[in-house]
Every structure is written in structure tokens, then in C-alpha cells.
Amino acid sequence: MANIKSAKKRILVTATKTARNKSIKSGVKTAIKKVEAAVAAKDVARAEELLRAATKTISMAASKGVYPKNNASRKVSRLSKAVNGIK
């Protein structure tokens, strides 16, 4: 355990940020799974609707610094490609 006050604070802040990042990443994964499930079911309308929601979720995660910009772009691109593939 840390003895210095600033080190104790860093431990607390890190724990808070880790919990926030974990929550955001979990939301992104859930959104991606929903889109992939709709693509697997070949439900075009539902897949497009879920793609918009997933894109928003991924973009918000990237803007908060949870994912690097290129990582988020790659996720959106792959989802878009999958949805366009079932049209």
C-alpha cells in the first residue's frame, strides 16, 4: 500500500477510470454482438438500425480515449462491411 498522499490518490483515480473504461468497452462489445447477430439472421433492417447505434457507441468510446481512433474506425468499417454484405 502506498504511503504518500498523492500515490494513494492515484490508486483511487486509477480504480475509478478502470471501472469507467471497463463499462464503456463492455457496451461496445454488446453493440457489436447485436449487429453480428442481426447479420447472421440476415435481418437487413434490424442490422442497419443496430449499426447506427453501434457506430455511435464506438465513436463515443474513441472520443473518451477508451479506444484509439484507428481501432474504432476499424471496428465500424468491419461492421459496415458485414451489414452491406447481406444486402
PDB file of N, CA and C in Angstrom:
ATOM      1  N   MET A   1       0.850  -1.189   0.000  1.00  0.00           N
ATOM      2  CA  MET A   1       0.000   0.000   0.000  1.00  0.00           C
ATOM      3  C   MET A   1       0.884   1.237   0.000  1.00  0.00           C
ATOM      4  N   ALA A   2       0.450   2.237  -0.707  1.00  0.00           N
ATOM      5  CA  ALA A   2       1.216   3.474  -0.826  1.00  0.00           C
ATOM      6  C   ALA A   2       1.187   4.252   0.482  1.00  0.00           C
ATOM      7  N   ASN A   3       2.256   4.975   0.751  1.00  0.00           N
ATOM      8  CA  ASN A   3       2.338   5.807   1.950  1.00  0.00           C
ATOM      9  C   ASN A   3       2.149   7.283   1.631  1.00  0.00           C
ATOM     10  N   ILE A   4       2.511   7.662   0.413  1.00  0.00           N
ATOM     11  CA  ILE A   4       2.446   9.069   0.022  1.00  0.00           C
ATOM     12  C   ILE A   4       1.025   9.411  -0.396  1.00  0.00           C
ATOM     13  N   LYS A   5       0.578  10.600   0.016  1.00  0.00           N
ATOM     14  CA  LYS A   5      -0.796  11.019  -0.242  1.00  0.00           C
ATOM     15  C   LYS A   5      -1.135  11.027  -1.727  1.00  0.00           C
ATOM     16  N   SER A   6      -0.231  11.538  -2.546  1.00  0.00           N
ATOM     17  CA  SER A   6      -0.510  11.608  -3.986  1.00  0.00           C
ATOM     18  C   SER A   6      -0.586  10.212  -4.600  1.00  0.00           C
ATOM     19  N   ALA A   7       0.209   9.281  -4.090  1.00  0.00           N
ATOM     20  CA  ALA A   7       0.179   7.905  -4.592  1.00  0.00           C
ATOM     21  C   ALA A   7      -1.136   7.235  -4.217  1.00  0.00           C
ATOM     22  N   LYS A   8      -1.637   7.516  -3.025  1.00  0.00           N
ATOM     23  CA  LYS A   8      -2.934   6.973  -2.588  1.00  0.00           C
ATOM     24  C   LYS A   8      -4.047   7.494  -3.499  1.00  0.00           C
ATOM     25  N   LYS A   9      -3.968   8.789  -3.826  1.00  0.00           N
ATOM     26  CA  LYS A   9      -4.977   9.386  -4.703  1.00  0.00           C
ATOM     27  C   LYS A   9      -4.913   8.754  -6.089  1.00  0.00           C
ATOM     28  N   ARG A  10      -3.713   8.520  -6.616  1.00  0.00           N
ATOM     29  CA  ARG A  10      -3.563   7.920  -7.938  1.00  0.00           C
ATOM     30  C   ARG A  10      -4.209   6.534  -7.966  1.00  0.00           C
ATOM     31  N   ILE A  11      -4.063   5.785  -6.867  1.00  0.00           N
ATOM     32  CA  ILE A  11      -4.671   4.456  -6.789  1.00  0.00           C
ATOM     33  C   ILE A  11      -6.189   4.569  -6.904  1.00  0.00           C
ATOM     34  N   LEU A  12      -6.771   5.521  -6.198  1.00  0.00           N
ATOM     35  CA  LEU A  12      -8.217   5.712  -6.239  1.00  0.00           C
ATOM     36  C   LEU A  12      -8.692   6.172  -7.617  1.00  0.00           C
ATOM     37  N   VAL A  13      -7.973   7.120  -8.197  1.00  0.00           N
ATOM     38  CA  VAL A  13      -8.354   7.660  -9.504  1.00  0.00           C
ATOM     39  C   VAL A  13      -8.230   6.573 -10.580  1.00  0.00           C
ATOM     40  N   THR A  14      -7.168   5.784 -10.493  1.00  0.00           N
ATOM     41  CA  THR A  14      -6.965   4.707 -11.460  1.00  0.00           C
ATOM     42  C   THR A  14      -8.093   3.685 -11.373  1.00  0.00           C
ATOM     43  N   ALA A  15      -8.505   3.363 -10.166  1.00  0.00           N
ATOM     44  CA  ALA A  15      -9.601   2.403  -9.988  1.00  0.00           C
ATOM     45  C   ALA A  15     -10.895   2.939 -10.589  1.00  0.00           C
ATOM     46  N   THR A  16     -11.154   4.223 -10.391  1.00  0.00           N
ATOM     47  CA  THR A  16     -12.357   4.841 -10.945  1.00  0.00           C
ATOM     48  C   THR A  16     -12.332   4.821 -12.468  1.00  0.00           C
ATOM     49  N   LYS A  17     -11.204   5.211 -13.048  1.00  0.00           N
ATOM     50  CA  LYS A  17     -11.085   5.245 -14.509  1.00  0.00           C
ATOM     51  C   LYS A  17     -11.148   3.842 -15.109  1.00  0.00           C
ATOM     52  N   THR A  18     -10.569   2.865 -14.422  1.00  0.00           N
ATOM     53  CA  THR A  18     -10.597   1.487 -14.904  1.00  0.00           C
ATOM     54  C   THR A  18     -12.030   0.976 -14.964  1.00  0.00           C
ATOM     55  N   ALA A  19     -12.814   1.290 -13.936  1.00  0.00           N
ATOM     56  CA  ALA A  19     -14.217   0.862 -13.910  1.00  0.00           C
ATOM     57  C   ALA A  19     -15.005   1.519 -15.048  1.00  0.00           C
ATOM     58  N   ARG A  20     -14.751   2.794 -15.286  1.00  0.00           N
ATOM     59  CA  ARG A  20     -15.441   3.525 -16.358  1.00  0.00           C
ATOM     60  C   ARG A  20     -15.084   2.944 -17.723  1.00  0.00           C
ATOM     61  N   ASN A  21     -13.791   2.710 -17.948  1.00  0.00           N
ATOM     62  CA  ASN A  21     -13.339   2.161 -19.223  1.00  0.00           C
ATOM     63  C   ASN A  21     -13.907   0.767 -19.454  1.00  0.00           C
ATOM     64  N   LYS A  22     -13.956  -0.025 -18.381  1.00  0.00           N
ATOM     65  CA  LYS A  22     -14.479  -1.393 -18.495  1.00  0.00           C
ATOM     66  C   LYS A  22     -15.949  -1.356 -18.898  1.00  0.00           C
ATOM     67  N   SER A  23     -16.702  -0.440 -18.309  1.00  0.00           N
ATOM     68  CA  SER A  23     -18.117  -0.302 -18.623  1.00  0.00           C
ATOM     69  C   SER A  23     -18.317   0.095 -20.080  1.00  0.00           C
ATOM     70  N   ILE A  24     -17.528   1.045 -20.542  1.00  0.00           N
ATOM     71  CA  ILE A  24     -17.647   1.530 -21.921  1.00  0.00           C
ATOM     72  C   ILE A  24     -17.273   0.418 -22.904  1.00  0.00           C
ATOM     73  N   LYS A  25     -16.176  -0.310 -22.625  1.00  0.00           N
ATOM     74  CA  LYS A  25     -15.756  -1.406 -23.502  1.00  0.00           C
ATOM     75  C   LYS A  25     -16.817  -2.495 -23.562  1.00  0.00           C
ATOM     76  N   SER A  26     -17.431  -2.766 -22.428  1.00  0.00           N
ATOM     77  CA  SER A  26     -18.485  -3.777 -22.383  1.00  0.00           C
ATOM     78  C   SER A  26     -19.666  -3.367 -23.260  1.00  0.00           C
ATOM     79  N   GLY A  27     -20.019  -2.087 -23.206  1.00  0.00           N
ATOM     80  CA  GLY A  27     -21.114  -1.583 -24.036  1.00  0.00           C
ATOM     81  C   GLY A  27     -20.812  -1.696 -25.511  1.00  0.00           C
ATOM     82  N   VAL A  28     -19.567  -1.436 -25.883  1.00  0.00           N
ATOM     83  CA  VAL A  28     -19.151  -1.540 -27.284  1.00  0.00           C
ATOM     84  C   VAL A  28     -19.244  -2.994 -27.745  1.00  0.00           C
ATOM     85  N   LYS A  29     -18.750  -3.906 -26.913  1.00  0.00           N
ATOM     86  CA  LYS A  29     -18.784  -5.324 -27.278  1.00  0.00           C
ATOM     87  C   LYS A  29     -20.217  -5.807 -27.455  1.00  0.00           C
ATOM     88  N   THR A  30     -21.103  -5.364 -26.567  1.00  0.00           N
ATOM     89  CA  THR A  30     -22.511  -5.748 -26.651  1.00  0.00           C
ATOM     90  C   THR A  30     -23.130  -5.234 -27.946  1.00  0.00           C
ATOM     91  N   ALA A  31     -22.848  -3.987 -28.286  1.00  0.00           N
ATOM     92  CA  ALA A  31     -23.387  -3.390 -29.511  1.00  0.00           C
ATOM     93  C   ALA A  31     -22.902  -4.158 -30.738  1.00  0.00           C
ATOM     94  N   ILE A  32     -21.633  -4.531 -30.743  1.00  0.00           N
ATOM     95  CA  ILE A  32     -21.063  -5.272 -31.868  1.00  0.00           C
ATOM     96  C   ILE A  32     -21.728  -6.646 -31.986  1.00  0.00           C
ATOM     97  N   LYS A  33     -21.914  -7.314 -30.855  1.00  0.00           N
ATOM     98  CA  LYS A  33     -22.546  -8.642 -30.876  1.00  0.00           C
ATOM     99  C   LYS A  33     -23.973  -8.569 -31.403  1.00  0.00           C
ATOM    100  N   LYS A  34     -24.690  -7.511 -31.064  1.00  0.00           N
ATOM    101  CA  LYS A  34     -26.063  -7.364 -31.546  1.00  0.00           C
ATOM    102  C   LYS A  34     -26.090  -7.212 -33.066  1.00  0.00           C
ATOM    103  N   VAL A  35     -25.179  -6.408 -33.593  1.00  0.00           N
ATOM    104  CA  VAL A  35     -25.117  -6.222 -35.049  1.00  0.00           C
ATOM    105  C   VAL A  35     -24.761  -7.545 -35.716  1.00  0.00           C
ATOM    106  N   GLU A  36     -23.774  -8.242 -35.182  1.00  0.00           N
ATOM    107  CA  GLU A  36     -23.351  -9.513 -35.775  1.00  0.00           C
ATOM    108  C   GLU A  36     -24.470 -10.547 -35.727  1.00  0.00           C
ATOM    109  N   ALA A  37     -25.278 -10.527 -34.668  1.00  0.00           N
ATOM    110  CA  ALA A  37     -26.406 -11.458 -34.574  1.00  0.00           C
ATOM    111  C   ALA A  37     -27.455 -11.144 -35.641  1.00  0.00           C
ATOM    112  N   ALA A  38     -27.710  -9.857 -35.862  1.00  0.00           N
ATOM    113  CA  ALA A  38     -28.673  -9.458 -36.893  1.00  0.00           C
ATOM    114  C   ALA A  38     -28.159  -9.828 -38.284  1.00  0.00           C
ATOM    115  N   VAL A  39     -26.860  -9.690 -38.494  1.00  0.00           N
ATOM    116  CA  VAL A  39     -26.262 -10.059 -39.780  1.00  0.00           C
ATOM    117  C   VAL A  39     -26.383 -11.580 -39.982  1.00  0.00           C
ATOM    118  N   ALA A  40     -26.138 -12.341 -38.928  1.00  0.00           N
ATOM    119  CA  ALA A  40     -26.232 -13.800 -39.020  1.00  0.00           C
ATOM    120  C   ALA A  40     -27.660 -14.237 -39.334  1.00  0.00           C
ATOM    121  N   ALA A  41     -28.642 -13.475 -38.817  1.00  0.00           N
ATOM    122  CA  ALA A  41     -30.049 -13.786 -39.070  1.00  0.00           C
ATOM    123  C   ALA A  41     -30.528 -13.210 -40.404  1.00  0.00           C
ATOM    124  N   LYS A  42     -29.636 -12.498 -41.079  1.00  0.00           N
ATOM    125  CA  LYS A  42     -29.934 -11.844 -42.372  1.00  0.00           C
ATOM    126  C   LYS A  42     -31.118 -10.877 -42.285  1.00  0.00           C
ATOM    127  N   ASP A  43     -31.210 -10.188 -41.156  1.00  0.00           N
ATOM    128  CA  ASP A  43     -32.267  -9.184 -40.940  1.00  0.00           C
ATOM    129  C   ASP A  43     -31.676  -7.818 -41.285  1.00  0.00           C
ATOM    130  N   VAL A  44     -31.866  -7.386 -42.530  1.00  0.00           N
ATOM    131  CA  VAL A  44     -31.218  -6.171 -43.042  1.00  0.00           C
ATOM    132  C   VAL A  44     -31.666  -4.930 -42.288  1.00  0.00           C
ATOM    133  N   ALA A  45     -32.970  -4.763 -42.101  1.00  0.00           N
ATOM    134  CA  ALA A  45     -33.484  -3.552 -41.456  1.00  0.00           C
ATOM    135  C   ALA A  45     -32.964  -3.440 -40.026  1.00  0.00           C
ATOM    136  N   ARG A  46     -33.030  -4.546 -39.300  1.00  0.00           N
ATOM    137  CA  ARG A  46     -32.564  -4.541 -37.901  1.00  0.00           C
ATOM    138  C   ARG A  46     -31.049  -4.307 -37.839  1.00  0.00           C
ATOM    139  N   ALA A  47     -30.315  -4.924 -38.747  1.00  0.00           N
ATOM    140  CA  ALA A  47     -28.858  -4.773 -38.772  1.00  0.00           C
ATOM    141  C   ALA A  47     -28.458  -3.324 -39.017  1.00  0.00           C
ATOM    142  N   GLU A  48     -29.166  -2.644 -39.950  1.00  0.00           N
ATOM    143  CA  GLU A  48     -28.845  -1.236 -40.236  1.00  0.00           C
ATOM    144  C   GLU A  48     -29.146  -0.360 -39.033  1.00  0.00           C
ATOM    145  N   GLU A  49     -30.255  -0.646 -38.369  1.00  0.00           N
ATOM    146  CA  GLU A  49     -30.628   0.131 -37.178  1.00  0.00           C
ATOM    147  C   GLU A  49     -29.592  -0.062 -36.068  1.00  0.00           C
ATOM    148  N   LEU A  50     -29.198  -1.309 -35.848  1.00  0.00           N
ATOM    149  CA  LEU A  50     -28.206  -1.600 -34.814  1.00  0.00           C
ATOM    150  C   LEU A  50     -26.828  -1.073 -35.188  1.00  0.00           C
ATOM    151  N   LEU A  51     -26.535  -1.026 -36.494  1.00  0.00           N
ATOM    152  CA  LEU A  51     -25.239  -0.495 -36.945  1.00  0.00           C
ATOM    153  C   LEU A  51     -25.111   0.977 -36.573  1.00  0.00           C
ATOM    154  N   ARG A  52     -26.194   1.741 -36.764  1.00  0.00           N
ATOM    155  CA  ARG A  52     -26.156   3.163 -36.391  1.00  0.00           C
ATOM    156  C   ARG A  52     -25.885   3.314 -34.891  1.00  0.00           C
ATOM    157  N   ALA A  53     -26.559   2.515 -34.084  1.00  0.00           N
ATOM    158  CA  ALA A  53     -26.370   2.588 -32.631  1.00  0.00           C
ATOM    159  C   ALA A  53     -24.953   2.169 -32.248  1.00  0.00           C
ATOM    160  N   ALA A  54     -24.447   1.113 -32.877  1.00  0.00           N
ATOM    161  CA  ALA A  54     -23.105   0.627 -32.572  1.00  0.00           C
ATOM    162  C   ALA A  54     -22.045   1.649 -32.985  1.00  0.00           C
ATOM    163  N   THR A  55     -22.251   2.287 -34.134  1.00  0.00           N
ATOM    164  CA  THR A  55     -21.306   3.299 -34.604  1.00  0.00           C
ATOM    165  C   THR A  55     -21.229   4.452 -33.614  1.00  0.00           C
ATOM    166  N   LYS A  56     -22.372   4.858 -33.109  1.00  0.00           N
ATOM    167  CA  LYS A  56     -22.400   5.937 -32.123  1.00  0.00           C
ATOM    168  C   LYS A  56     -21.663   5.519 -30.856  1.00  0.00           C
ATOM    169  N   THR A  57     -21.917   4.309 -30.391  1.00  0.00           N
ATOM    170  CA  THR A  57     -21.279   3.817 -29.170  1.00  0.00           C
ATOM    171  C   THR A  57     -19.762   3.747 -29.338  1.00  0.00           C
ATOM    172  N   ILE A  58     -19.317   3.223 -30.480  1.00  0.00           N
ATOM    173  CA  ILE A  58     -17.884   3.094 -30.742  1.00  0.00           C
ATOM    174  C   ILE A  58     -17.229   4.470 -30.853  1.00  0.00           C
ATOM    175  N   SER A  59     -17.895   5.401 -31.523  1.00  0.00           N
ATOM    176  CA  SER A  59     -17.341   6.753 -31.680  1.00  0.00           C
ATOM    177  C   SER A  59     -17.220   7.459 -30.333  1.00  0.00           C
ATOM    178  N   MET A  60     -18.212   7.265 -29.483  1.00  0.00           N
ATOM    179  CA  MET A  60     -18.153   7.878 -28.148  1.00  0.00           C
ATOM    180  C   MET A  60     -17.011   7.291 -27.333  1.00  0.00           C
ATOM    181  N   ALA A  61     -16.795   5.990 -27.461  1.00  0.00           N
ATOM    182  CA  ALA A  61     -15.695   5.342 -26.744  1.00  0.00           C
ATOM    183  C   ALA A  61     -14.352   5.880 -27.230  1.00  0.00           C
ATOM    184  N   ALA A  62     -14.244   6.096 -28.537  1.00  0.00           N
ATOM    185  CA  ALA A  62     -12.994   6.629 -29.094  1.00  0.00           C
ATOM    186  C   ALA A  62     -12.774   8.066 -28.635  1.00  0.00           C
ATOM    187  N   SER A  63     -13.846   8.849 -28.570  1.00  0.00           N
ATOM    188  CA  SER A  63     -13.698  10.246 -28.165  1.00  0.00           C
ATOM    189  C   SER A  63     -13.304  10.368 -26.694  1.00  0.00           C
ATOM    190  N   LYS A  64     -13.662   9.373 -25.891  1.00  0.00           N
ATOM    191  CA  LYS A  64     -13.298   9.383 -24.478  1.00  0.00           C
ATOM    192  C   LYS A  64     -11.906   8.796 -24.247  1.00  0.00           C
ATOM    193  N   GLY A  65     -11.295   8.281 -25.311  1.00  0.00           N
ATOM    194  CA  GLY A  65      -9.942   7.752 -25.197  1.00  0.00           C
ATOM    195  C   GLY A  65      -9.888   6.305 -24.771  1.00  0.00           C
ATOM    196  N   VAL A  66     -11.025   5.613 -24.766  1.00  0.00           N
ATOM    197  CA  VAL A  66     -11.038   4.206 -24.375  1.00  0.00           C
ATOM    198  C   VAL A  66     -10.421   3.358 -25.477  1.00  0.00           C
ATOM    199  N   TYR A  67     -10.729   3.687 -26.728  1.00  0.00           N
ATOM    200  CA  TYR A  67     -10.138   3.026 -27.887  1.00  0.00           C
ATOM    201  C   TYR A  67      -9.375   4.057 -28.696  1.00  0.00           C
ATOM    202  N   PRO A  68      -8.243   3.653 -29.305  1.00  0.00           N
ATOM    203  CA  PRO A  68      -7.576   4.558 -30.238  1.00  0.00           C
ATOM    204  C   PRO A  68      -8.474   4.817 -31.448  1.00  0.00           C
ATOM    205  N   LYS A  69      -8.259   5.936 -32.099  1.00  0.00           N
ATOM    206  CA  LYS A  69      -9.110   6.355 -33.227  1.00  0.00           C
ATOM    207  C   LYS A  69      -9.137   5.314 -34.341  1.00  0.00           C
ATOM    208  N   ASN A  70      -7.976   4.778 -34.708  1.00  0.00           N
ATOM    209  CA  ASN A  70      -7.913   3.804 -35.800  1.00  0.00           C
ATOM    210  C   ASN A  70      -8.595   2.492 -35.426  1.00  0.00           C
ATOM    211  N   ASN A  71      -8.499   2.110 -34.158  1.00  0.00           N
ATOM    212  CA  ASN A  71      -9.152   0.893 -33.685  1.00  0.00           C
ATOM    213  C   ASN A  71     -10.671   1.037 -33.841  1.00  0.00           C
ATOM    214  N   ALA A  72     -11.195   2.189 -33.451  1.00  0.00           N
ATOM    215  CA  ALA A  72     -12.630   2.445 -33.562  1.00  0.00           C
ATOM    216  C   ALA A  72     -13.051   2.456 -35.031  1.00  0.00           C
ATOM    217  N   SER A  73     -12.254   3.082 -35.873  1.00  0.00           N
ATOM    218  CA  SER A  73     -12.561   3.138 -37.302  1.00  0.00           C
ATOM    219  C   SER A  73     -12.591   1.740 -37.898  1.00  0.00           C
ATOM    220  N   ARG A  74     -11.671   0.898 -37.480  1.00  0.00           N
ATOM    221  CA  ARG A  74     -11.608  -0.473 -37.986  1.00  0.00           C
ATOM    222  C   ARG A  74     -12.854  -1.257 -37.569  1.00  0.00           C
ATOM    223  N   LYS A  75     -13.281  -1.091 -36.322  1.00  0.00           N
ATOM    224  CA  LYS A  75     -14.485  -1.777 -35.842  1.00  0.00           C
ATOM    225  C   LYS A  75     -15.716  -1.353 -36.643  1.00  0.00           C
ATOM    226  N   VAL A  76     -15.862  -0.059 -36.859  1.00  0.00           N
ATOM    227  CA  VAL A  76     -17.007   0.460 -37.614  1.00  0.00           C
ATOM    228  C   VAL A  76     -16.959  -0.050 -39.050  1.00  0.00           C
ATOM    229  N   SER A  77     -15.776  -0.044 -39.642  1.00  0.00           N
ATOM    230  CA  SER A  77     -15.607  -0.483 -41.021  1.00  0.00           C
ATOM    231  C   SER A  77     -15.996  -1.947 -41.184  1.00  0.00           C
ATOM    232  N   ARG A  78     -15.561  -2.783 -40.267  1.00  0.00           N
ATOM    233  CA  ARG A  78     -15.863  -4.214 -40.358  1.00  0.00           C
ATOM    234  C   ARG A  78     -17.356  -4.475 -40.187  1.00  0.00           C
ATOM    235  N   LEU A  79     -17.975  -3.740 -39.266  1.00  0.00           N
ATOM    236  CA  LEU A  79     -19.413  -3.902 -39.076  1.00  0.00           C
ATOM    237  C   LEU A  79     -20.176  -3.443 -40.327  1.00  0.00           C
ATOM    238  N   SER A  80     -19.773  -2.312 -40.884  1.00  0.00           N
ATOM    239  CA  SER A  80     -20.426  -1.779 -42.085  1.00  0.00           C
ATOM    240  C   SER A  80     -20.297  -2.769 -43.248  1.00  0.00           C
ATOM    241  N   LYS A  81     -19.115  -3.345 -43.380  1.00  0.00           N
ATOM    242  CA  LYS A  81     -18.873  -4.309 -44.446  1.00  0.00           C
ATOM    243  C   LYS A  81     -19.781  -5.531 -44.279  1.00  0.00           C
ATOM    244  N   ALA A  82     -19.947  -5.977 -43.045  1.00  0.00           N
ATOM    245  CA  ALA A  82     -20.796  -7.140 -42.778  1.00  0.00           C
ATOM    246  C   ALA A  82     -22.261  -6.838 -43.110  1.00  0.00           C
ATOM    247  N   VAL A  83     -22.718  -5.645 -42.711  1.00  0.00           N
ATOM    248  CA  VAL A  83     -24.115  -5.262 -42.969  1.00  0.00           C
ATOM    249  C   VAL A  83     -24.343  -5.093 -44.475  1.00  0.00           C
ATOM    250  N   ASN A  84     -23.399  -4.458 -45.156  1.00  0.00           N
ATOM    251  CA  ASN A  84     -23.544  -4.280 -46.609  1.00  0.00           C
ATOM    252  C   ASN A  84     -23.477  -5.615 -47.348  1.00  0.00           C
ATOM    253  N   GLY A  85     -22.827  -6.583 -46.752  1.00  0.00           N
ATOM    254  CA  GLY A  85     -22.700  -7.896 -47.381  1.00  0.00           C
ATOM    255  C   GLY A  85     -23.998  -8.674 -47.434  1.00  0.00           C
ATOM    256  N   ILE A  86     -24.936  -8.366 -46.533  1.00  0.00           N
ATOM    257  CA  ILE A  86     -26.201  -9.120 -46.523  1.00  0.00           C
ATOM    258  C   ILE A  86     -27.300  -8.424 -47.350  1.00  0.00           C
ATOM    259  N   LYS A  87     -26.989  -7.254 -47.864  1.00  0.00           N
ATOM    260  CA  LYS A  87     -27.994  -6.518 -48.661  1.00  0.00           C
ATOM    261  C   LYS A  87     -28.199  -7.178 -50.012  1.00  0.00           C
TER     262      LYS A  87
END
